[in-house]
């Protein structure tokens, strides 16, 4: 197993020094899914819930979360996000969230994309919980990343 980058030689947590890394264009895509009953999905898609358009609110919350990731994840660098896009679409059994984040910098935006997808799912749950408390957030994962020293990666 390779050494973890956020742990120093003595085992203490640290922020990685990216000072000498090249500035490159970097992009990451993450996804998440909120499983729910057909009745709750119909309510979410109708826009007639008491809290309004749940998909639009979740998309905005995801973008806001991407921009605040370094405030939430202790060792993340604050990054100049150049693009953050979150989409919530109906899928079989619930709502699928896709978050795409881009920057030009010295470190990647995987955590920003994952945070965006996670917070969008949490926002959907919050807005729909009056209709169904048993919804399940699942399969929050990195789908792909491009740029940087380690190159491109796509989930199998």
C-alpha atoms as a PDB file:
ATOM      1  CA  UNK A   1       0.000   0.000   0.000  1.00  0.00           C
ATOM      2  CA  UNK A   2       1.348   3.429  -0.888  1.00  0.00           C
ATOM      3  CA  UNK A   3       1.857   6.043   1.802  1.00  0.00           C
ATOM      4  CA  UNK A   4      -1.161   8.259   2.448  1.00  0.00           C
ATOM      5  CA  UNK A   5      -0.480  11.829   1.321  1.00  0.00           C
ATOM      6  CA  UNK A   6      -2.310  13.480   4.226  1.00  0.00           C
ATOM      7  CA  UNK A   7      -0.188  11.703   6.877  1.00  0.00           C
ATOM      8  CA  UNK A   8       3.395  12.811   7.556  1.00  0.00           C
ATOM      9  CA  UNK A   9       6.387  10.610   8.458  1.00  0.00           C
ATOM     10  CA  UNK A  10       5.421  10.667  12.157  1.00  0.00           C
ATOM     11  CA  UNK A  11       1.783   9.703  11.523  1.00  0.00           C
ATOM     12  CA  UNK A  12       0.315  13.181  12.001  1.00  0.00           C
ATOM     13  CA  UNK A  13      -2.360  14.617   9.725  1.00  0.00           C
ATOM     14  CA  UNK A  14      -1.190  17.347   7.368  1.00  0.00           C
ATOM     15  CA  UNK A  15      -2.302  19.398   4.416  1.00  0.00           C
ATOM     16  CA  UNK A  16      -0.367  18.327   1.326  1.00  0.00           C
ATOM     17  CA  UNK A  17       2.079  20.930   0.007  1.00  0.00           C
ATOM     18  CA  UNK A  18       1.144  21.523  -3.638  1.00  0.00           C
ATOM     19  CA  UNK A  19       3.492  24.485  -4.133  1.00  0.00           C
ATOM     20  CA  UNK A  20       5.694  22.694  -6.661  1.00  0.00           C
ATOM     21  CA  UNK A  21       2.888  21.005  -8.591  1.00  0.00           C
ATOM     22  CA  UNK A  22       2.071  22.196 -12.100  1.00  0.00           C
ATOM     23  CA  UNK A  23      -1.039  24.254 -12.702  1.00  0.00           C
ATOM     24  CA  UNK A  24      -3.305  22.218 -14.968  1.00  0.00           C
ATOM     25  CA  UNK A  25      -6.961  22.099 -15.896  1.00  0.00           C
ATOM     26  CA  UNK A  26      -8.685  19.596 -13.652  1.00  0.00           C
ATOM     27  CA  UNK A  27     -12.218  18.259 -13.674  1.00  0.00           C
ATOM     28  CA  UNK A  28     -14.093  15.712 -11.593  1.00  0.00           C
ATOM     29  CA  UNK A  29     -17.522  14.145 -11.905  1.00  0.00           C
ATOM     30  CA  UNK A  30     -19.335  12.507  -8.999  1.00  0.00           C
ATOM     31  CA  UNK A  31     -22.757  10.984  -8.640  1.00  0.00           C
ATOM     32  CA  UNK A  32     -25.247  10.053  -5.976  1.00  0.00           C
ATOM     33  CA  UNK A  33     -28.706   8.564  -5.810  1.00  0.00           C
ATOM     34  CA  UNK A  34     -31.708   9.068  -3.546  1.00  0.00           C
ATOM     35  CA  UNK A  35     -33.961   5.995  -3.539  1.00  0.00           C
ATOM     36  CA  UNK A  36     -37.649   6.627  -2.797  1.00  0.00           C
ATOM     37  CA  UNK A  37     -41.134   5.306  -3.434  1.00  0.00           C
ATOM     38  CA  UNK A  38     -42.879   6.060  -6.738  1.00  0.00           C
ATOM     39  CA  UNK A  39     -45.297   8.349  -4.858  1.00  0.00           C
ATOM     40  CA  UNK A  40     -42.493  10.482  -3.432  1.00  0.00           C
ATOM     41  CA  UNK A  41     -40.758  10.611  -6.807  1.00  0.00           C
ATOM     42  CA  UNK A  42     -43.991  11.800  -8.419  1.00  0.00           C
ATOM     43  CA  UNK A  43     -44.294  14.514  -5.762  1.00  0.00           C
ATOM     44  CA  UNK A  44     -40.684  15.594  -6.323  1.00  0.00           C
ATOM     45  CA  UNK A  45     -41.198  15.824 -10.072  1.00  0.00           C
ATOM     46  CA  UNK A  46     -44.542  17.634  -9.812  1.00  0.00           C
ATOM     47  CA  UNK A  47     -43.062  20.728  -8.173  1.00  0.00           C
ATOM     48  CA  UNK A  48     -46.159  20.831  -5.960  1.00  0.00           C
ATOM     49  CA  UNK A  49     -44.435  20.045  -2.668  1.00  0.00           C
ATOM     50  CA  UNK A  50     -44.733  22.496   0.194  1.00  0.00           C
ATOM     51  CA  UNK A  51     -41.088  23.471  -0.251  1.00  0.00           C
ATOM     52  CA  UNK A  52     -41.288  24.145  -3.995  1.00  0.00           C
ATOM     53  CA  UNK A  53     -39.020  22.844  -6.759  1.00  0.00           C
ATOM     54  CA  UNK A  54     -36.894  20.355  -4.834  1.00  0.00           C
ATOM     55  CA  UNK A  55     -34.642  19.566  -7.811  1.00  0.00           C
ATOM     56  CA  UNK A  56     -33.704  23.224  -8.397  1.00  0.00           C
ATOM     57  CA  UNK A  57     -32.973  23.803  -4.711  1.00  0.00           C
ATOM     58  CA  UNK A  58     -30.799  20.664  -4.533  1.00  0.00           C
ATOM     59  CA  UNK A  59     -28.849  21.720  -7.622  1.00  0.00           C
ATOM     60  CA  UNK A  60     -28.117  25.138  -6.100  1.00  0.00           C
ATOM     61  CA  UNK A  61     -27.167  23.546  -2.759  1.00  0.00           C
ATOM     62  CA  UNK A  62     -24.723  21.239  -4.561  1.00  0.00           C
ATOM     63  CA  UNK A  63     -23.012  24.158  -6.298  1.00  0.00           C
ATOM     64  CA  UNK A  64     -22.761  26.034  -3.003  1.00  0.00           C
ATOM     65  CA  UNK A  65     -21.288  22.937  -1.337  1.00  0.00           C
ATOM     66  CA  UNK A  66     -18.613  22.541  -4.022  1.00  0.00           C
ATOM     67  CA  UNK A  67     -17.488  26.106  -3.341  1.00  0.00           C
ATOM     68  CA  UNK A  68     -17.321  25.482   0.441  1.00  0.00           C
ATOM     69  CA  UNK A  69     -15.625  22.079   0.471  1.00  0.00           C
ATOM     70  CA  UNK A  70     -12.434  23.329   2.115  1.00  0.00           C
ATOM     71  CA  UNK A  71     -14.568  24.647   5.005  1.00  0.00           C
ATOM     72  CA  UNK A  72     -15.964  21.142   5.580  1.00  0.00           C
ATOM     73  CA  UNK A  73     -13.104  18.737   4.820  1.00  0.00           C
ATOM     74  CA  UNK A  74     -10.110  19.639   7.023  1.00  0.00           C
ATOM     75  CA  UNK A  75      -7.202  18.934   4.658  1.00  0.00           C
ATOM     76  CA  UNK A  76      -8.777  20.229   1.419  1.00  0.00           C
ATOM     77  CA  UNK A  77      -7.214  23.266  -0.204  1.00  0.00           C
ATOM     78  CA  UNK A  78      -9.468  26.233  -0.955  1.00  0.00           C
ATOM     79  CA  UNK A  79      -9.707  26.209  -4.748  1.00  0.00           C
ATOM     80  CA  UNK A  80     -10.752  28.712  -7.384  1.00  0.00           C
ATOM     81  CA  UNK A  81     -13.679  26.758  -8.822  1.00  0.00           C
ATOM     82  CA  UNK A  82     -14.160  27.716 -12.473  1.00  0.00           C
ATOM     83  CA  UNK A  83     -17.224  25.526 -13.036  1.00  0.00           C
ATOM     84  CA  UNK A  84     -19.671  23.750 -10.757  1.00  0.00           C
ATOM     85  CA  UNK A  85     -22.714  22.125 -12.264  1.00  0.00           C
ATOM     86  CA  UNK A  86     -25.167  19.845 -10.473  1.00  0.00           C
ATOM     87  CA  UNK A  87     -28.040  18.052 -12.176  1.00  0.00           C
ATOM     88  CA  UNK A  88     -30.867  16.136 -10.525  1.00  0.00           C
ATOM     89  CA  UNK A  89     -32.743  13.833 -12.876  1.00  0.00           C
ATOM     90  CA  UNK A  90     -35.442  11.215 -12.374  1.00  0.00           C
ATOM     91  CA  UNK A  91     -34.200   7.641 -12.559  1.00  0.00           C
ATOM     92  CA  UNK A  92     -35.659   4.225 -11.899  1.00  0.00           C
ATOM     93  CA  UNK A  93     -36.454   4.195  -8.186  1.00  0.00           C
ATOM     94  CA  UNK A  94     -35.553   7.773  -7.320  1.00  0.00           C
ATOM     95  CA  UNK A  95     -33.477  10.815  -8.210  1.00  0.00           C
ATOM     96  CA  UNK A  96     -29.981  10.667  -9.677  1.00  0.00           C
ATOM     97  CA  UNK A  97     -27.519  13.465  -8.918  1.00  0.00           C
ATOM     98  CA  UNK A  98     -24.530  14.278 -11.126  1.00  0.00           C
ATOM     99  CA  UNK A  99     -21.981  16.913 -10.063  1.00  0.00           C
ATOM    100  CA  UNK A 100     -19.263  18.249 -12.364  1.00  0.00           C
ATOM    101  CA  UNK A 101     -16.581  20.558 -10.949  1.00  0.00           C
ATOM    102  CA  UNK A 102     -13.673  22.169 -12.781  1.00  0.00           C
ATOM    103  CA  UNK A 103     -10.669  24.308 -11.873  1.00  0.00           C
ATOM    104  CA  UNK A 104      -7.288  25.340 -13.147  1.00  0.00           C
ATOM    105  CA  UNK A 105      -4.888  24.776 -10.317  1.00  0.00           C
ATOM    106  CA  UNK A 106      -2.339  22.624  -8.504  1.00  0.00           C
ATOM    107  CA  UNK A 107      -4.702  20.062  -6.997  1.00  0.00           C
ATOM    108  CA  UNK A 108      -7.809  18.233  -8.114  1.00  0.00           C
ATOM    109  CA  UNK A 109     -11.491  18.780  -7.474  1.00  0.00           C
ATOM    110  CA  UNK A 110     -12.583  15.237  -6.618  1.00  0.00           C
ATOM    111  CA  UNK A 111     -13.612  16.216  -3.099  1.00  0.00           C
ATOM    112  CA  UNK A 112     -15.547  19.217  -4.404  1.00  0.00           C
ATOM    113  CA  UNK A 113     -17.522  17.016  -6.818  1.00  0.00           C
ATOM    114  CA  UNK A 114     -18.189  14.404  -4.114  1.00  0.00           C
ATOM    115  CA  UNK A 115     -19.270  17.100  -1.656  1.00  0.00           C
ATOM    116  CA  UNK A 116     -21.578  18.648  -4.246  1.00  0.00           C
ATOM    117  CA  UNK A 117     -23.249  15.299  -4.993  1.00  0.00           C
ATOM    118  CA  UNK A 118     -23.568  14.462  -1.285  1.00  0.00           C
ATOM    119  CA  UNK A 119     -25.087  17.798  -0.283  1.00  0.00           C
ATOM    120  CA  UNK A 120     -27.499  17.716  -3.224  1.00  0.00           C
ATOM    121  CA  UNK A 121     -28.689  14.288  -2.029  1.00  0.00           C
ATOM    122  CA  UNK A 122     -29.002  15.555   1.543  1.00  0.00           C
ATOM    123  CA  UNK A 123     -30.981  18.571   0.335  1.00  0.00           C
ATOM    124  CA  UNK A 124     -33.350  16.343  -1.621  1.00  0.00           C
ATOM    125  CA  UNK A 125     -33.847  14.233   1.500  1.00  0.00           C
ATOM    126  CA  UNK A 126     -34.518  17.328   3.599  1.00  0.00           C
ATOM    127  CA  UNK A 127     -37.063  18.692   1.173  1.00  0.00           C
ATOM    128  CA  UNK A 128     -38.883  15.376   0.743  1.00  0.00           C
ATOM    129  CA  UNK A 129     -38.698  13.896   4.254  1.00  0.00           C
ATOM    130  CA  UNK A 130     -42.216  15.073   5.133  1.00  0.00           C
ATOM    131  CA  UNK A 131     -43.487  12.716   2.426  1.00  0.00           C
ATOM    132  CA  UNK A 132     -41.136   9.810   3.156  1.00  0.00           C
ATOM    133  CA  UNK A 133     -38.629   9.361   5.960  1.00  0.00           C
ATOM    134  CA  UNK A 134     -37.395   5.981   4.687  1.00  0.00           C
ATOM    135  CA  UNK A 135     -35.594   7.330   1.608  1.00  0.00           C
ATOM    136  CA  UNK A 136     -32.026   6.067   1.201  1.00  0.00           C
ATOM    137  CA  UNK A 137     -28.999   7.980  -0.063  1.00  0.00           C
ATOM    138  CA  UNK A 138     -26.777   5.541  -1.909  1.00  0.00           C
ATOM    139  CA  UNK A 139     -23.946   5.149  -4.356  1.00  0.00           C
ATOM    140  CA  UNK A 140     -22.215   8.476  -3.816  1.00  0.00           C
ATOM    141  CA  UNK A 141     -19.008   7.964  -5.774  1.00  0.00           C
ATOM    142  CA  UNK A 142     -16.394   9.514  -8.006  1.00  0.00           C
ATOM    143  CA  UNK A 143     -17.154   8.761 -11.654  1.00  0.00           C
ATOM    144  CA  UNK A 144     -14.126  10.376 -13.285  1.00  0.00           C
ATOM    145  CA  UNK A 145     -11.304  12.852 -12.897  1.00  0.00           C
ATOM    146  CA  UNK A 146      -9.000  14.493 -15.400  1.00  0.00           C
ATOM    147  CA  UNK A 147      -5.756  16.426 -15.139  1.00  0.00           C
ATOM    148  CA  UNK A 148      -2.905  16.499 -12.690  1.00  0.00           C
ATOM    149  CA  UNK A 149       0.155  14.349 -12.125  1.00  0.00           C
ATOM    150  CA  UNK A 150      -1.813  11.107 -11.761  1.00  0.00           C
ATOM    151  CA  UNK A 151      -3.621  11.706 -15.059  1.00  0.00           C
ATOM    152  CA  UNK A 152      -7.133  10.748 -16.027  1.00  0.00           C
ATOM    153  CA  UNK A 153      -9.242   8.169 -14.237  1.00  0.00           C
ATOM    154  CA  UNK A 154     -12.688   6.719 -14.914  1.00  0.00           C
ATOM    155  CA  UNK A 155     -14.616   4.400 -12.615  1.00  0.00           C
ATOM    156  CA  UNK A 156     -14.948   0.860 -13.922  1.00  0.00           C
END
